[in-house]
Structures are given as C-alpha cells and as structure tokens.
Protein backbone atom coordinates (compact mmCIF):
# COMPACT_ATOMS: atom_id res chain seq x y z
CA MET A 1 15.10 8.06 -6.97
CA LYS A 2 14.68 6.41 -3.71
CA PRO A 3 11.62 4.40 -3.76
CA ALA A 4 9.43 3.00 -0.72
CA LEU A 5 6.60 0.39 -0.82
CA ILE A 6 3.54 1.55 0.70
CA ILE A 7 0.94 -1.45 1.59
CA ILE A 8 -2.39 0.02 2.20
CA ASP A 9 -5.41 -1.32 4.15
CA MET A 10 -4.65 -5.14 3.80
CA GLN A 11 -6.76 -5.97 6.78
CA GLN A 12 -9.02 -8.84 8.21
CA ALA A 13 -12.15 -6.25 8.29
CA PHE A 14 -12.20 -5.93 4.62
CA TYR A 15 -11.63 -9.65 3.78
CA LYS A 16 -14.86 -11.24 2.80
CA GLY A 17 -16.83 -11.94 -0.38
CA LYS A 18 -15.48 -10.80 -4.13
CA THR A 19 -12.87 -8.81 -2.06
CA ALA A 20 -11.12 -11.53 -0.42
CA LYS A 21 -10.08 -13.25 -3.79
CA LEU A 22 -8.83 -9.99 -5.05
CA MET A 23 -7.10 -9.39 -1.79
CA ASP A 24 -5.38 -12.77 -1.89
CA ALA A 25 -4.31 -11.94 -5.58
CA ALA A 26 -2.87 -8.55 -4.79
CA THR A 27 -1.09 -10.46 -2.02
CA ASP A 28 0.81 -12.52 -4.32
CA TYR A 29 2.29 -9.75 -6.30
CA ILE A 30 3.05 -7.96 -2.64
CA ASN A 31 4.99 -10.75 -1.37
CA TYR A 32 6.93 -11.05 -4.53
CA ILE A 33 8.13 -7.40 -4.15
CA LEU A 34 8.80 -7.39 -0.46
CA PRO A 35 12.07 -9.50 -0.37
CA LEU A 36 13.31 -6.94 -3.18
CA PHE A 37 12.85 -3.91 -1.04
CA ARG A 38 13.97 -5.57 2.17
CA ARG A 39 17.35 -6.56 0.10
CA LYS A 40 18.12 -3.34 -0.72
CA LYS A 41 17.02 -1.72 2.51
CA LEU A 42 14.35 0.42 1.28
CA PRO A 43 11.77 1.45 3.56
CA VAL A 44 8.30 -0.98 3.38
CA ILE A 45 5.45 1.07 5.26
CA TRP A 46 2.11 -0.80 6.61
CA VAL A 47 -0.99 1.47 6.35
CA GLN A 48 -3.81 0.35 8.52
CA ASP A 49 -7.29 2.36 8.80
CA MET A 50 -8.79 2.85 11.98
CA ASP A 51 -12.59 3.24 12.30
CA LYS A 52 -14.00 3.28 16.10
CA ASP A 53 -17.31 2.97 14.81
CA ASP A 54 -17.03 -0.31 13.00
CA GLY A 55 -14.56 -1.87 15.75
CA VAL A 56 -11.87 -1.79 13.42
CA VAL A 57 -9.13 -0.59 16.00
CA PRO A 58 -5.78 -2.08 17.62
CA GLY A 59 -6.22 -4.85 19.44
CA ASN A 60 -9.42 -6.44 17.45
CA LYS A 61 -9.00 -8.72 14.72
CA GLY A 62 -10.50 -6.74 12.18
CA PHE A 63 -7.57 -4.42 12.40
CA ASP A 64 -4.93 -6.97 11.91
CA LEU A 65 -3.27 -7.59 8.34
CA ILE A 66 -4.81 -10.45 6.42
CA LYS A 67 -3.07 -14.06 6.81
CA GLY A 68 0.13 -14.07 4.30
CA LEU A 69 1.27 -10.48 4.72
CA LYS A 70 3.70 -9.92 7.63
CA PRO A 71 5.74 -6.83 8.33
CA ALA A 72 9.42 -7.57 9.03
CA ILE A 73 10.72 -6.15 12.33
CA GLY A 74 11.38 -2.53 12.01
CA GLU A 75 9.07 -1.54 9.20
CA LYS A 76 7.22 1.62 9.68
CA LYS A 77 3.25 1.02 10.62
CA VAL A 78 1.02 3.75 10.27
CA THR A 79 -2.76 4.27 11.39
CA LYS A 80 -4.88 6.40 9.62
CA GLN A 81 -8.46 7.24 10.08
CA TYR A 82 -9.05 8.98 6.37
CA GLY A 83 -8.75 8.01 3.03
CA ASN A 84 -5.78 9.49 2.39
CA SER A 85 -2.76 7.69 4.20
CA PHE A 86 -1.32 11.30 4.46
CA ASN A 87 -3.83 12.88 6.20
CA LYS A 88 -3.06 13.56 10.01
CA THR A 89 -0.60 10.80 9.97
CA ASP A 90 3.28 11.06 10.29
CA LEU A 91 3.92 9.10 6.65
CA GLU A 92 5.11 12.39 4.79
CA ALA A 93 7.71 12.97 7.70
CA THR A 94 8.92 9.29 7.77
CA LEU A 95 9.16 9.58 3.82
CA ARG A 96 11.28 12.47 4.11
CA HIS A 97 13.17 11.96 6.79
CA ALA A 98 14.19 8.65 4.82
CA GLY A 99 14.84 10.37 1.89
CA VAL A 100 12.28 8.82 -0.01
CA ASP A 101 10.87 10.84 -3.32
CA MET A 102 9.22 7.89 -5.04
CA VAL A 103 6.20 5.66 -3.72
CA ILE A 104 5.33 2.55 -5.09
CA LEU A 105 1.28 2.02 -3.77
CA ALA A 106 -0.40 -1.43 -3.13
CA GLY A 107 -3.82 -2.63 -1.08
CA TYR A 108 -7.03 -2.05 -0.72
CA CYS A 109 -9.27 -0.29 -1.66
CA ALA A 110 -7.84 0.48 -5.20
CA GLU A 111 -10.27 3.46 -5.91
CA TYR A 112 -10.87 5.03 -2.61
CA CYS A 113 -7.70 4.89 -0.08
CA VAL A 114 -4.81 3.53 -2.81
CA LEU A 115 -6.22 6.53 -5.08
CA SER A 116 -6.59 8.82 -2.19
CA THR A 117 -3.15 8.22 -1.28
CA TYR A 118 -1.82 8.57 -4.55
CA ARG A 119 -3.22 12.04 -5.07
CA GLY A 120 -1.89 13.01 -1.71
CA ALA A 121 1.84 11.94 -2.86
CA LEU A 122 1.19 14.52 -5.77
CA ASP A 123 0.41 17.07 -3.66
CA ARG A 124 3.25 16.42 -1.59
CA ASP A 125 5.76 16.44 -4.79
CA LEU A 126 6.65 12.60 -4.49
CA THR A 127 6.40 10.47 -7.36
CA PRO A 128 3.27 7.96 -6.98
CA ILE A 129 3.11 4.50 -9.05
CA MET A 130 0.59 2.10 -8.56
CA LEU A 131 1.93 -1.86 -8.46
CA ARG A 132 0.21 -3.58 -11.32
CA GLY A 133 -1.65 -6.61 -9.84
CA ALA A 134 -1.03 -5.42 -6.28
CA LEU A 135 -4.42 -3.69 -5.75
CA ALA A 136 -7.68 -4.90 -4.24
CA SER A 137 -11.23 -3.69 -4.45
CA ASN A 138 -14.53 -5.10 -4.38
CA ARG A 139 -14.87 -4.98 -8.26
CA GLN A 140 -11.95 -5.92 -10.77
CA LYS A 141 -13.66 -2.90 -13.03
CA ASN A 142 -12.89 -0.47 -10.17
CA ILE A 143 -9.04 -1.70 -9.99
CA ASP A 144 -8.76 -1.14 -13.67
CA PHE A 145 -10.16 2.18 -13.67
CA VAL A 146 -7.40 3.21 -11.12
CA LEU A 147 -4.71 1.40 -13.29
CA ALA A 148 -6.16 3.35 -16.45
CA ILE A 149 -5.72 7.00 -14.62
CA SER A 150 -2.56 6.37 -12.85
CA ASP A 151 0.85 5.94 -13.43
CA ILE A 152 1.90 2.01 -12.79
CA ILE A 153 4.77 -0.19 -12.85
CA SER A 154 4.87 -3.89 -13.51
CA CYS A 155 6.52 -6.30 -10.73
CA ASN A 156 9.17 -7.25 -13.53
CA ALA A 157 9.64 -3.64 -14.71
CA LEU A 158 10.31 -2.69 -10.76
CA ARG A 159 12.71 -5.65 -10.03
CA ARG A 160 14.88 -4.47 -12.87
CA PHE A 161 14.55 -0.72 -11.55
CA LEU A 162 15.54 -1.83 -7.96
CA SER A 163 18.44 -3.86 -9.27
CA GLY A 164 19.69 -0.76 -10.65
CA LEU A 165 19.84 0.89 -7.22
C-alpha cells in the first residue's frame, strides 16, 4: 500500500472560538506526522476550501492556512468548493498518478469536509483512514462521532507502518 497524507481546510477563516483550540490540537498531530511522510517522499496534499460568498478566496487572509502549518515546496495544493475534496477537483487524478491507494485524513471540519472526503475515497476504491488526534471541529463530540464510525490510526501506529515502507 502507498499512503498519502491529506490535510483538509485548516484555514484561518475557520480559526475562531472553540474551533481554534481544537485546530491547534490537530496541528500538533499533523506536524508530528508531516516529517515522516516527507522523509519517505510520500505525497502530502493540502486541501483548502474556497467560498466566494464568504470571501474565502485565494489572496484573502481567511483562505490561508493557520499558523503552524506550512506546506513544503512541491507539495500539492487542492482548492475545493464542496465538502468532498474529490468533487470537481484533480485530487483523484493526483493520487492515481502517484500510485496512492491509501489516504490518511486530517483537518477540519471532522463531521463535514473530512468525513465527506473519507466517503469520497471509499467511492473511489481507496482506503481512507482518519488520523486520531488530527481532526478538528467546533465540538469534540463531533470528532468523537467521526472517529467512532471510521477506520482510524494513531500517530504511533502510523509511524511504525511508515517505517516499514
């Protein structure tokens, strides 16, 4: 299996209130895993939501990733307009071209965009796995729900899996 890490919607537009605290916690886990993918030269894909009605568009601060998350040069960026990151984007083609058959998912909003992307991956015969600790929402109970209905992996288990590749 060849995995890719997909980080969804960790953007400044959503970084407020209770959500900010949960996004900060998710960022810690994402930043723990990022170097492992980069060392193995495995794909890391950054998905950003665009909503013209809310002014969340490239060039506006709300579109930018939150502080603490920085894509490396050459890492793929995908802009989406729907909850499912596969819908009307080149995400699937990017993964297929790289030979990816497993996607490790992290980001915001656990019960909406991340879960929609998880379901989209299943529909494309990919193996989606949620990264425990790396999901954010406006409520912890929503994250708990998503983890309860999804396949999940811990950072330590993922580290061990990646070391065998």
